[in-house]
Amino acid sequence: MIAWAIDAAKAAQLSAEIIVSTEDTEIAKYVETCGVEVLIRPEKLAVDPAGVVDVALHALEVLKKQKRLFKTLVILLPTCPFRTAEDIQSAIKLFKEKNGHFLMSVSEYTHTPFAAMGINQDGLLNPYFSDCIGKKSQQMPIAYRANGAIHVLDVTAFEIAKSYYAQPLIGYVMPQARSIDIDNEEDLHYAEFLLQKGIK
C-alpha cells in the first residue's frame, strides 16, 4: 500500500519532494529502493494517542531544522490505496483555486448517518436525529466522510491549528470505489475483491 501511495505521488508529477515518515526499519529499507526519501520518526509516534497530525508536525519540524521550508503539505495515507495521480492533481488544483488553508478528500456515506440510532442502558433504541426518523434516505441531507486519501494543507495554518479539520475546510469529493480506507482485515478483503473485479 505504501508503494501505491508513492507511485501515485510520482505519477502526479508535482514539483515537490516525496517523503515517507516511518519508525519501521523494514519499511524504511523498502522505501529507499523506491527512490524516495525516508524520515525516521520516534517510536512514540507509532502508538496511540499519536496520530497523523503529530507525525506530520514532527516531519515539518525535522525538515525546518534542516532549513527546508515548505508552504504546502500534502498527506497521502497508504491505507487509502486507490487514490489516483489525477485525484492528487485535482485536489491541489481545487486547493489553489479556493486559496485554501485546509483541504480534505471525502466520499459520500453509503448509508445516511442521519438515520443512526443509539441503544440506551435499558436496551431501547433512540434516534440521534429525531427529525429524520421516518424519512426516506433521499429526503435527508447528503453527508460525507473523510476517506483518508488526500489532505492538502497550508503549512503555517496547519502548524498553528495543529489539526487538519480546521476551518475553512475544503472538501474534495471522490467516488466510493476509490475511497476504500483499509482499517481492518475485512476492508483489505473488500479492496482485493474490487481489484479482482477491475473496479477502482
N, C-alpha and C. Protein backbone atom coordinates (compact mmCIF):
# COMPACT_ATOMS: atom_id res chain seq x y z
N MET A 1 0.83 -1.20 0.00
CA MET A 1 0.00 0.00 0.00
C MET A 1 0.87 1.26 0.00
N ILE A 2 2.03 1.17 0.65
CA ILE A 2 2.95 2.30 0.64
C ILE A 2 3.44 2.55 -0.79
N ALA A 3 3.71 1.47 -1.49
CA ALA A 3 4.18 1.61 -2.88
C ALA A 3 3.12 2.30 -3.74
N TRP A 4 1.86 1.97 -3.51
CA TRP A 4 0.79 2.60 -4.28
C TRP A 4 0.74 4.11 -4.02
N ALA A 5 0.92 4.49 -2.76
CA ALA A 5 0.92 5.93 -2.43
C ALA A 5 2.10 6.63 -3.09
N ILE A 6 3.27 5.99 -3.05
CA ILE A 6 4.46 6.56 -3.67
C ILE A 6 4.27 6.68 -5.18
N ASP A 7 3.74 5.63 -5.80
CA ASP A 7 3.53 5.64 -7.25
C ASP A 7 2.55 6.74 -7.67
N ALA A 8 1.49 6.91 -6.87
CA ALA A 8 0.51 7.96 -7.19
C ALA A 8 1.14 9.34 -7.07
N ALA A 9 1.96 9.54 -6.03
CA ALA A 9 2.63 10.83 -5.84
C ALA A 9 3.59 11.11 -6.99
N LYS A 10 4.34 10.09 -7.41
CA LYS A 10 5.26 10.27 -8.53
C LYS A 10 4.51 10.57 -9.82
N ALA A 11 3.43 9.82 -10.05
CA ALA A 11 2.67 9.98 -11.29
C ALA A 11 1.97 11.33 -11.37
N ALA A 12 1.73 11.95 -10.21
CA ALA A 12 1.09 13.27 -10.20
C ALA A 12 2.02 14.34 -10.77
N GLN A 13 3.31 14.03 -10.83
CA GLN A 13 4.33 14.91 -11.43
C GLN A 13 4.28 16.32 -10.84
N LEU A 14 4.26 16.36 -9.54
CA LEU A 14 4.28 17.66 -8.86
C LEU A 14 5.72 18.10 -8.65
N SER A 15 5.93 19.39 -8.64
CA SER A 15 7.28 19.89 -8.35
C SER A 15 7.42 19.92 -6.83
N ALA A 16 7.51 18.72 -6.26
CA ALA A 16 7.51 18.60 -4.80
C ALA A 16 8.41 17.45 -4.38
N GLU A 17 8.81 17.47 -3.12
CA GLU A 17 9.60 16.39 -2.56
C GLU A 17 8.66 15.34 -1.98
N ILE A 18 8.95 14.07 -2.23
CA ILE A 18 8.16 12.97 -1.68
C ILE A 18 8.95 12.38 -0.51
N ILE A 19 8.33 12.40 0.66
CA ILE A 19 9.00 11.92 1.87
C ILE A 19 8.07 10.96 2.60
N VAL A 20 8.61 9.81 2.99
CA VAL A 20 7.84 8.83 3.76
C VAL A 20 8.33 8.85 5.20
N SER A 21 7.40 9.05 6.13
CA SER A 21 7.73 9.03 7.55
C SER A 21 7.39 7.66 8.11
N THR A 22 8.35 7.02 8.78
CA THR A 22 8.12 5.71 9.37
C THR A 22 9.07 5.49 10.53
N GLU A 23 8.68 4.58 11.44
CA GLU A 23 9.58 4.16 12.52
C GLU A 23 10.08 2.74 12.26
N ASP A 24 9.57 2.12 11.19
CA ASP A 24 9.85 0.73 10.88
C ASP A 24 11.05 0.61 9.95
N THR A 25 12.07 -0.13 10.38
CA THR A 25 13.32 -0.24 9.58
C THR A 25 13.09 -0.99 8.27
N GLU A 26 12.23 -2.01 8.28
CA GLU A 26 11.94 -2.75 7.05
C GLU A 26 11.27 -1.85 6.02
N ILE A 27 10.30 -1.08 6.48
CA ILE A 27 9.61 -0.15 5.58
C ILE A 27 10.60 0.88 5.04
N ALA A 28 11.47 1.37 5.92
CA ALA A 28 12.46 2.37 5.52
C ALA A 28 13.36 1.83 4.41
N LYS A 29 13.81 0.59 4.56
CA LYS A 29 14.67 -0.02 3.54
C LYS A 29 13.92 -0.17 2.22
N TYR A 30 12.65 -0.58 2.30
CA TYR A 30 11.86 -0.74 1.08
C TYR A 30 11.66 0.60 0.38
N VAL A 31 11.32 1.63 1.15
CA VAL A 31 11.06 2.95 0.58
C VAL A 31 12.29 3.47 -0.14
N GLU A 32 13.46 3.22 0.42
CA GLU A 32 14.70 3.65 -0.23
C GLU A 32 14.88 3.00 -1.59
N THR A 33 14.42 1.75 -1.74
CA THR A 33 14.52 1.08 -3.04
C THR A 33 13.58 1.71 -4.06
N CYS A 34 12.58 2.46 -3.57
CA CYS A 34 11.64 3.16 -4.46
C CYS A 34 12.19 4.52 -4.89
N GLY A 35 13.37 4.86 -4.39
CA GLY A 35 13.97 6.14 -4.75
C GLY A 35 13.33 7.33 -4.07
N VAL A 36 12.79 7.10 -2.87
CA VAL A 36 12.09 8.14 -2.13
C VAL A 36 12.78 8.37 -0.79
N GLU A 37 12.78 9.60 -0.34
CA GLU A 37 13.41 9.94 0.93
C GLU A 37 12.62 9.38 2.11
N VAL A 38 13.36 8.90 3.12
CA VAL A 38 12.75 8.37 4.34
C VAL A 38 13.08 9.28 5.51
N LEU A 39 12.06 9.53 6.32
CA LEU A 39 12.27 10.30 7.54
C LEU A 39 11.90 9.38 8.70
N ILE A 40 12.90 9.04 9.52
CA ILE A 40 12.67 8.14 10.65
C ILE A 40 12.06 8.93 11.81
N ARG A 41 10.90 8.47 12.25
CA ARG A 41 10.22 9.14 13.36
C ARG A 41 10.42 8.34 14.64
N PRO A 42 10.28 9.00 15.80
CA PRO A 42 10.46 8.29 17.07
C PRO A 42 9.35 7.27 17.31
N GLU A 43 9.67 6.25 18.11
CA GLU A 43 8.72 5.17 18.40
C GLU A 43 7.44 5.70 19.03
N LYS A 44 7.53 6.78 19.79
CA LYS A 44 6.35 7.30 20.49
C LYS A 44 5.27 7.76 19.50
N LEU A 45 5.67 8.03 18.26
CA LEU A 45 4.70 8.45 17.25
C LEU A 45 4.07 7.26 16.52
N ALA A 46 4.44 6.05 16.95
CA ALA A 46 3.89 4.85 16.31
C ALA A 46 2.73 4.26 17.11
N VAL A 47 2.44 4.84 18.28
CA VAL A 47 1.40 4.28 19.15
C VAL A 47 0.41 5.37 19.54
N ASP A 48 -0.80 4.94 19.96
CA ASP A 48 -1.79 5.88 20.45
C ASP A 48 -1.25 6.59 21.69
N PRO A 49 -1.60 7.88 21.93
CA PRO A 49 -2.58 8.64 21.18
C PRO A 49 -2.01 9.42 19.99
N ALA A 50 -0.76 9.16 19.64
CA ALA A 50 -0.18 9.87 18.49
C ALA A 50 -0.96 9.53 17.23
N GLY A 51 -1.05 10.51 16.34
CA GLY A 51 -1.78 10.28 15.10
C GLY A 51 -1.10 10.95 13.93
N VAL A 52 -1.81 11.06 12.83
CA VAL A 52 -1.25 11.62 11.60
C VAL A 52 -0.79 13.06 11.81
N VAL A 53 -1.56 13.83 12.57
CA VAL A 53 -1.19 15.23 12.81
C VAL A 53 0.16 15.32 13.51
N ASP A 54 0.36 14.51 14.55
CA ASP A 54 1.64 14.51 15.27
C ASP A 54 2.79 14.09 14.36
N VAL A 55 2.54 13.09 13.54
CA VAL A 55 3.57 12.62 12.61
C VAL A 55 3.94 13.71 11.61
N ALA A 56 2.92 14.40 11.07
CA ALA A 56 3.17 15.46 10.09
C ALA A 56 3.90 16.64 10.72
N LEU A 57 3.49 17.02 11.92
CA LEU A 57 4.16 18.13 12.61
C LEU A 57 5.61 17.78 12.93
N HIS A 58 5.86 16.54 13.30
CA HIS A 58 7.23 16.10 13.56
C HIS A 58 8.08 16.20 12.30
N ALA A 59 7.53 15.74 11.18
CA ALA A 59 8.27 15.80 9.91
C ALA A 59 8.60 17.24 9.54
N LEU A 60 7.63 18.13 9.68
CA LEU A 60 7.86 19.54 9.36
C LEU A 60 8.93 20.15 10.27
N GLU A 61 8.91 19.75 11.53
CA GLU A 61 9.91 20.27 12.48
C GLU A 61 11.32 19.81 12.12
N VAL A 62 11.45 18.53 11.77
CA VAL A 62 12.76 17.99 11.37
C VAL A 62 13.26 18.68 10.12
N LEU A 63 12.39 18.85 9.14
CA LEU A 63 12.77 19.48 7.88
C LEU A 63 13.13 20.95 8.08
N LYS A 64 12.42 21.60 8.99
CA LYS A 64 12.71 23.02 9.28
C LYS A 64 14.11 23.16 9.87
N LYS A 65 14.49 22.22 10.72
CA LYS A 65 15.84 22.24 11.31
C LYS A 65 16.92 22.06 10.25
N GLN A 66 16.54 21.43 9.14
CA GLN A 66 17.45 21.24 8.02
C GLN A 66 17.38 22.41 7.03
N LYS A 67 16.67 23.48 7.45
CA LYS A 67 16.49 24.68 6.61
C LYS A 67 15.67 24.37 5.36
N ARG A 68 14.81 23.38 5.43
CA ARG A 68 13.94 23.03 4.31
C ARG A 68 12.52 23.46 4.68
N LEU A 69 12.10 24.55 4.07
CA LEU A 69 10.80 25.14 4.41
C LEU A 69 9.82 24.93 3.27
N PHE A 70 8.58 24.65 3.62
CA PHE A 70 7.55 24.37 2.63
C PHE A 70 6.31 25.21 2.91
N LYS A 71 5.63 25.62 1.86
CA LYS A 71 4.38 26.37 2.01
C LYS A 71 3.17 25.45 2.09
N THR A 72 3.25 24.33 1.38
CA THR A 72 2.11 23.43 1.29
C THR A 72 2.54 22.00 1.64
N LEU A 73 1.67 21.32 2.39
CA LEU A 73 1.91 19.93 2.76
C LEU A 73 0.78 19.08 2.19
N VAL A 74 1.13 18.01 1.50
CA VAL A 74 0.14 17.05 1.00
C VAL A 74 0.38 15.73 1.72
N ILE A 75 -0.65 15.24 2.41
CA ILE A 75 -0.55 13.98 3.14
C ILE A 75 -1.32 12.91 2.36
N LEU A 76 -0.64 11.80 2.07
CA LEU A 76 -1.26 10.66 1.38
C LEU A 76 -1.13 9.45 2.29
N LEU A 77 -2.22 9.04 2.92
CA LEU A 77 -2.17 7.89 3.81
C LEU A 77 -2.17 6.60 2.98
N PRO A 78 -1.29 5.66 3.29
CA PRO A 78 -1.22 4.42 2.50
C PRO A 78 -2.45 3.54 2.64
N THR A 79 -3.27 3.78 3.67
CA THR A 79 -4.47 2.95 3.89
C THR A 79 -5.59 3.25 2.91
N CYS A 80 -5.42 4.26 2.06
CA CYS A 80 -6.42 4.55 1.01
C CYS A 80 -5.72 4.42 -0.34
N PRO A 81 -5.45 3.18 -0.76
CA PRO A 81 -4.54 2.95 -1.89
C PRO A 81 -5.10 3.25 -3.27
N PHE A 82 -6.42 3.42 -3.41
CA PHE A 82 -6.98 3.56 -4.75
C PHE A 82 -7.05 5.00 -5.25
N ARG A 83 -6.54 5.94 -4.44
CA ARG A 83 -6.46 7.32 -4.95
C ARG A 83 -5.55 7.31 -6.16
N THR A 84 -5.79 8.21 -7.08
CA THR A 84 -5.00 8.26 -8.31
C THR A 84 -4.17 9.54 -8.36
N ALA A 85 -3.25 9.57 -9.32
CA ALA A 85 -2.47 10.78 -9.55
C ALA A 85 -3.40 11.93 -9.93
N GLU A 86 -4.45 11.61 -10.68
CA GLU A 86 -5.41 12.63 -11.08
C GLU A 86 -6.15 13.20 -9.87
N ASP A 87 -6.45 12.33 -8.89
CA ASP A 87 -7.07 12.82 -7.65
C ASP A 87 -6.16 13.82 -6.95
N ILE A 88 -4.90 13.49 -6.86
CA ILE A 88 -3.94 14.37 -6.19
C ILE A 88 -3.86 15.71 -6.93
N GLN A 89 -3.72 15.65 -8.24
CA GLN A 89 -3.64 16.87 -9.05
C GLN A 89 -4.91 17.72 -8.89
N SER A 90 -6.07 17.07 -8.95
CA SER A 90 -7.34 17.80 -8.86
C SER A 90 -7.54 18.41 -7.48
N ALA A 91 -7.13 17.69 -6.44
CA ALA A 91 -7.26 18.21 -5.08
C ALA A 91 -6.39 19.45 -4.89
N ILE A 92 -5.17 19.40 -5.40
CA ILE A 92 -4.27 20.55 -5.27
C ILE A 92 -4.78 21.72 -6.11
N LYS A 93 -5.31 21.43 -7.28
CA LYS A 93 -5.88 22.48 -8.12
C LYS A 93 -7.04 23.17 -7.40
N LEU A 94 -7.92 22.39 -6.79
CA LEU A 94 -9.05 22.94 -6.04
C LEU A 94 -8.57 23.77 -4.87
N PHE A 95 -7.56 23.29 -4.16
CA PHE A 95 -6.97 23.99 -3.02
C PHE A 95 -6.47 25.37 -3.44
N LYS A 96 -5.79 25.41 -4.59
CA LYS A 96 -5.25 26.68 -5.09
C LYS A 96 -6.36 27.62 -5.56
N GLU A 97 -7.35 27.05 -6.25
CA GLU A 97 -8.46 27.87 -6.75
C GLU A 97 -9.23 28.53 -5.60
N LYS A 98 -9.33 27.82 -4.49
CA LYS A 98 -10.08 28.33 -3.34
C LYS A 98 -9.21 29.14 -2.38
N ASN A 99 -7.92 29.30 -2.75
CA ASN A 99 -6.96 29.95 -1.85
C ASN A 99 -7.04 29.32 -0.46
N GLY A 100 -7.03 27.99 -0.45
CA GLY A 100 -7.30 27.25 0.77
C GLY A 100 -6.18 27.18 1.77
N HIS A 101 -6.58 26.85 2.99
CA HIS A 101 -5.66 26.53 4.08
C HIS A 101 -5.74 25.06 4.44
N PHE A 102 -6.96 24.48 4.28
CA PHE A 102 -7.17 23.08 4.64
C PHE A 102 -8.09 22.42 3.61
N LEU A 103 -7.65 21.29 3.04
CA LEU A 103 -8.48 20.51 2.13
C LEU A 103 -8.42 19.05 2.56
N MET A 104 -9.58 18.41 2.51
CA MET A 104 -9.68 17.01 2.89
C MET A 104 -10.49 16.26 1.84
N SER A 105 -9.99 15.10 1.42
CA SER A 105 -10.76 14.28 0.49
C SER A 105 -11.85 13.53 1.25
N VAL A 106 -13.01 13.45 0.63
CA VAL A 106 -14.17 12.83 1.27
C VAL A 106 -14.92 11.99 0.25
N SER A 107 -15.81 11.13 0.75
CA SER A 107 -16.74 10.43 -0.13
C SER A 107 -18.10 10.41 0.56
N GLU A 108 -19.13 10.23 -0.25
CA GLU A 108 -20.49 10.24 0.28
C GLU A 108 -20.73 8.97 1.10
N TYR A 109 -21.43 9.11 2.23
CA TYR A 109 -21.80 7.94 3.02
C TYR A 109 -22.67 7.01 2.18
N THR A 110 -22.41 5.70 2.27
CA THR A 110 -23.24 4.73 1.56
C THR A 110 -24.60 4.59 2.25
N HIS A 111 -24.62 4.72 3.57
CA HIS A 111 -25.86 4.72 4.34
C HIS A 111 -25.91 6.03 5.13
N THR A 112 -27.00 6.77 5.02
CA THR A 112 -27.06 8.08 5.66
C THR A 112 -26.87 7.99 7.18
N PRO A 113 -26.00 8.80 7.75
CA PRO A 113 -25.82 8.79 9.21
C PRO A 113 -27.00 9.43 9.94
N PHE A 114 -27.87 10.12 9.20
CA PHE A 114 -28.99 10.80 9.85
C PHE A 114 -30.08 9.82 10.30
N ALA A 115 -29.97 8.56 9.90
CA ALA A 115 -30.89 7.53 10.37
C ALA A 115 -30.30 6.76 11.55
N ALA A 116 -29.16 7.20 12.05
CA ALA A 116 -28.47 6.48 13.13
C ALA A 116 -29.26 6.50 14.43
N MET A 117 -29.13 5.39 15.17
CA MET A 117 -29.77 5.28 16.48
C MET A 117 -28.77 4.76 17.50
N GLY A 118 -28.97 5.13 18.74
CA GLY A 118 -28.16 4.60 19.83
C GLY A 118 -29.02 3.69 20.69
N ILE A 119 -28.37 2.84 21.49
CA ILE A 119 -29.09 1.97 22.41
C ILE A 119 -28.76 2.42 23.83
N ASN A 120 -29.80 2.72 24.63
CA ASN A 120 -29.56 3.17 26.00
C ASN A 120 -29.36 1.99 26.94
N GLN A 121 -29.18 2.28 28.24
CA GLN A 121 -28.86 1.23 29.21
C GLN A 121 -30.00 0.22 29.39
N ASP A 122 -31.19 0.60 28.98
CA ASP A 122 -32.34 -0.31 29.06
C ASP A 122 -32.51 -1.13 27.77
N GLY A 123 -31.59 -0.95 26.83
CA GLY A 123 -31.67 -1.69 25.57
C GLY A 123 -32.64 -1.11 24.58
N LEU A 124 -33.06 0.14 24.81
CA LEU A 124 -34.01 0.79 23.93
C LEU A 124 -33.30 1.66 22.90
N LEU A 125 -33.83 1.66 21.68
CA LEU A 125 -33.24 2.44 20.60
C LEU A 125 -33.73 3.89 20.67
N ASN A 126 -32.79 4.81 20.50
CA ASN A 126 -33.11 6.23 20.47
C ASN A 126 -32.44 6.85 19.25
N PRO A 127 -33.21 7.55 18.42
CA PRO A 127 -32.61 8.18 17.23
C PRO A 127 -31.71 9.35 17.62
N TYR A 128 -30.59 9.48 16.93
CA TYR A 128 -29.71 10.63 17.15
C TYR A 128 -30.28 11.87 16.46
N PHE A 129 -31.02 11.65 15.38
CA PHE A 129 -31.62 12.76 14.63
C PHE A 129 -33.12 12.49 14.53
N SER A 130 -33.85 12.85 15.57
CA SER A 130 -35.27 12.50 15.64
C SER A 130 -36.09 13.11 14.50
N ASP A 131 -35.66 14.27 14.00
CA ASP A 131 -36.43 14.91 12.92
C ASP A 131 -36.29 14.17 11.59
N CYS A 132 -35.36 13.19 11.53
CA CYS A 132 -35.17 12.44 10.28
C CYS A 132 -35.86 11.08 10.30
N ILE A 133 -36.35 10.67 11.46
CA ILE A 133 -36.97 9.35 11.55
C ILE A 133 -38.23 9.30 10.68
N GLY A 134 -38.34 8.22 9.92
CA GLY A 134 -39.48 8.04 9.03
C GLY A 134 -39.28 8.60 7.64
N LYS A 135 -38.20 9.37 7.47
CA LYS A 135 -37.93 9.93 6.16
C LYS A 135 -37.18 8.93 5.29
N LYS A 136 -37.35 9.02 3.99
CA LYS A 136 -36.55 8.23 3.07
C LYS A 136 -35.15 8.83 3.00
N SER A 137 -34.19 7.99 2.69
CA SER A 137 -32.80 8.48 2.65
C SER A 137 -32.64 9.61 1.64
N GLN A 138 -33.44 9.58 0.57
CA GLN A 138 -33.36 10.62 -0.46
C GLN A 138 -33.84 11.98 0.07
N GLN A 139 -34.59 11.95 1.17
CA GLN A 139 -35.11 13.19 1.76
C GLN A 139 -34.15 13.79 2.79
N MET A 140 -33.10 13.06 3.11
CA MET A 140 -32.15 13.52 4.12
C MET A 140 -30.98 14.24 3.44
N PRO A 141 -30.29 15.10 4.19
CA PRO A 141 -29.13 15.79 3.60
C PRO A 141 -28.05 14.81 3.18
N ILE A 142 -27.31 15.16 2.15
CA ILE A 142 -26.17 14.34 1.73
C ILE A 142 -25.04 14.56 2.74
N ALA A 143 -24.48 13.47 3.23
CA ALA A 143 -23.40 13.56 4.21
C ALA A 143 -22.13 12.92 3.64
N TYR A 144 -21.01 13.45 4.04
CA TYR A 144 -19.72 12.98 3.54
C TYR A 144 -18.83 12.55 4.70
N ARG A 145 -17.95 11.59 4.42
CA ARG A 145 -16.98 11.14 5.42
C ARG A 145 -15.57 11.36 4.89
N ALA A 146 -14.64 11.61 5.80
CA ALA A 146 -13.24 11.67 5.41
C ALA A 146 -12.82 10.28 4.96
N ASN A 147 -12.08 10.19 3.84
CA ASN A 147 -11.68 8.87 3.36
C ASN A 147 -10.18 8.60 3.54
N GLY A 148 -9.43 9.59 4.02
CA GLY A 148 -8.01 9.36 4.30
C GLY A 148 -7.10 9.40 3.09
N ALA A 149 -7.65 9.69 1.91
CA ALA A 149 -6.84 9.62 0.70
C ALA A 149 -5.88 10.79 0.56
N ILE A 150 -6.40 12.02 0.75
CA ILE A 150 -5.61 13.22 0.47
C ILE A 150 -5.93 14.32 1.48
N HIS A 151 -4.89 14.92 2.01
CA HIS A 151 -5.03 16.17 2.77
C HIS A 151 -4.07 17.16 2.12
N VAL A 152 -4.55 18.35 1.83
CA VAL A 152 -3.69 19.43 1.34
C VAL A 152 -3.77 20.55 2.36
N LEU A 153 -2.62 20.97 2.87
CA LEU A 153 -2.61 21.90 3.99
C LEU A 153 -1.63 23.04 3.77
N ASP A 154 -2.05 24.24 4.13
CA ASP A 154 -1.12 25.37 4.21
C ASP A 154 -0.29 25.13 5.47
N VAL A 155 1.01 25.06 5.32
CA VAL A 155 1.88 24.66 6.42
C VAL A 155 1.75 25.59 7.63
N THR A 156 1.78 26.89 7.40
CA THR A 156 1.69 27.84 8.51
C THR A 156 0.37 27.68 9.27
N ALA A 157 -0.73 27.59 8.53
CA ALA A 157 -2.05 27.43 9.16
C ALA A 157 -2.13 26.11 9.91
N PHE A 158 -1.54 25.06 9.35
CA PHE A 158 -1.56 23.73 9.97
C PHE A 158 -0.74 23.73 11.26
N GLU A 159 0.41 24.38 11.25
CA GLU A 159 1.24 24.43 12.45
C GLU A 159 0.56 25.20 13.58
N ILE A 160 -0.25 26.18 13.22
CA ILE A 160 -0.99 26.94 14.23
C ILE A 160 -2.17 26.13 14.76
N ALA A 161 -2.95 25.56 13.84
CA ALA A 161 -4.17 24.84 14.23
C ALA A 161 -3.87 23.48 14.84
N LYS A 162 -2.76 22.87 14.40
CA LYS A 162 -2.42 21.51 14.85
C LYS A 162 -3.59 20.54 14.61
N SER A 163 -4.24 20.73 13.48
CA SER A 163 -5.38 19.89 13.11
C SER A 163 -5.59 20.02 11.61
N TYR A 164 -6.07 18.93 10.97
CA TYR A 164 -6.44 19.07 9.57
C TYR A 164 -7.95 19.15 9.40
N TYR A 165 -8.66 19.32 10.51
CA TYR A 165 -10.10 19.56 10.46
C TYR A 165 -10.42 21.04 10.67
N ALA A 166 -9.41 21.88 10.71
CA ALA A 166 -9.64 23.31 10.97
C ALA A 166 -10.42 23.94 9.82
N GLN A 167 -11.11 25.00 10.14
CA GLN A 167 -11.92 25.72 9.16
C GLN A 167 -11.17 26.93 8.62
N PRO A 168 -11.51 27.35 7.39
CA PRO A 168 -12.45 26.75 6.44
C PRO A 168 -11.84 25.50 5.79
N LEU A 169 -12.63 24.42 5.79
CA LEU A 169 -12.16 23.13 5.32
C LEU A 169 -12.82 22.80 3.98
N ILE A 170 -11.99 22.71 2.94
CA ILE A 170 -12.48 22.42 1.59
C ILE A 170 -12.63 20.91 1.43
N GLY A 171 -13.71 20.48 0.81
CA GLY A 171 -13.92 19.06 0.55
C GLY A 171 -13.64 18.71 -0.90
N TYR A 172 -12.78 17.74 -1.09
CA TYR A 172 -12.55 17.20 -2.43
C TYR A 172 -13.27 15.85 -2.49
N VAL A 173 -14.33 15.77 -3.27
CA VAL A 173 -15.20 14.59 -3.29
C VAL A 173 -14.65 13.53 -4.25
N MET A 174 -14.52 12.31 -3.72
CA MET A 174 -14.06 11.17 -4.52
C MET A 174 -15.14 10.09 -4.56
N PRO A 175 -15.18 9.30 -5.62
CA PRO A 175 -16.17 8.22 -5.70
C PRO A 175 -15.87 7.12 -4.68
N GLN A 176 -16.92 6.34 -4.34
CA GLN A 176 -16.77 5.27 -3.35
C GLN A 176 -15.67 4.27 -3.73
N ALA A 177 -15.61 3.91 -5.00
CA ALA A 177 -14.67 2.87 -5.43
C ALA A 177 -13.21 3.24 -5.19
N ARG A 178 -12.91 4.54 -5.16
CA ARG A 178 -11.53 4.97 -4.92
C ARG A 178 -11.33 5.46 -3.48
N SER A 179 -12.36 5.25 -2.65
CA SER A 179 -12.30 5.79 -1.29
C SER A 179 -12.19 4.72 -0.22
N ILE A 180 -11.80 3.51 -0.62
CA ILE A 180 -11.64 2.44 0.36
C ILE A 180 -10.56 2.83 1.36
N ASP A 181 -10.89 2.79 2.64
CA ASP A 181 -9.94 3.12 3.71
C ASP A 181 -9.70 1.83 4.50
N ILE A 182 -8.53 1.26 4.34
CA ILE A 182 -8.26 -0.07 4.90
C ILE A 182 -7.83 0.04 6.36
N ASP A 183 -8.76 -0.29 7.25
CA ASP A 183 -8.51 -0.24 8.69
C ASP A 183 -8.49 -1.62 9.33
N ASN A 184 -9.03 -2.62 8.63
CA ASN A 184 -9.08 -3.96 9.21
C ASN A 184 -9.03 -5.00 8.09
N GLU A 185 -9.08 -6.27 8.48
CA GLU A 185 -8.94 -7.36 7.51
C GLU A 185 -10.10 -7.39 6.52
N GLU A 186 -11.30 -7.06 7.01
CA GLU A 186 -12.46 -7.05 6.12
C GLU A 186 -12.30 -6.01 5.02
N ASP A 187 -11.78 -4.82 5.39
CA ASP A 187 -11.53 -3.77 4.39
C ASP A 187 -10.53 -4.25 3.35
N LEU A 188 -9.50 -4.98 3.82
CA LEU A 188 -8.47 -5.49 2.91
C LEU A 188 -9.07 -6.49 1.92
N HIS A 189 -9.92 -7.38 2.43
CA HIS A 189 -10.56 -8.37 1.56
C HIS A 189 -11.45 -7.68 0.52
N TYR A 190 -12.15 -6.63 0.96
CA TYR A 190 -13.03 -5.91 0.04
C TYR A 190 -12.20 -5.21 -1.04
N ALA A 191 -11.07 -4.63 -0.64
CA ALA A 191 -10.19 -3.97 -1.61
C ALA A 191 -9.65 -4.99 -2.62
N GLU A 192 -9.29 -6.18 -2.14
CA GLU A 192 -8.81 -7.23 -3.03
C GLU A 192 -9.91 -7.68 -4.00
N PHE A 193 -11.14 -7.74 -3.49
CA PHE A 193 -12.29 -8.10 -4.34
C PHE A 193 -12.46 -7.07 -5.46
N LEU A 194 -12.38 -5.79 -5.11
CA LEU A 194 -12.51 -4.73 -6.12
C LEU A 194 -11.42 -4.83 -7.18
N LEU A 195 -10.21 -5.15 -6.74
CA LEU A 195 -9.10 -5.30 -7.69
C LEU A 195 -9.36 -6.47 -8.63
N GLN A 196 -9.82 -7.58 -8.07
CA GLN A 196 -10.09 -8.76 -8.90
C GLN A 196 -11.17 -8.48 -9.94
N LYS A 197 -12.15 -7.65 -9.55
CA LYS A 197 -13.25 -7.32 -10.45
C LYS A 197 -12.91 -6.16 -11.38
N GLY A 198 -11.72 -5.59 -11.18
CA GLY A 198 -11.32 -4.45 -12.01
C GLY A 198 -12.06 -3.19 -11.69
N ILE A 199 -12.58 -3.10 -10.45
CA ILE A 199 -13.36 -1.91 -10.03
C ILE A 199 -12.49 -1.08 -9.13
N LYS A 200 -12.09 0.06 -9.63
CA LYS A 200 -11.38 1.03 -8.78
C LYS A 200 -11.09 2.28 -9.60
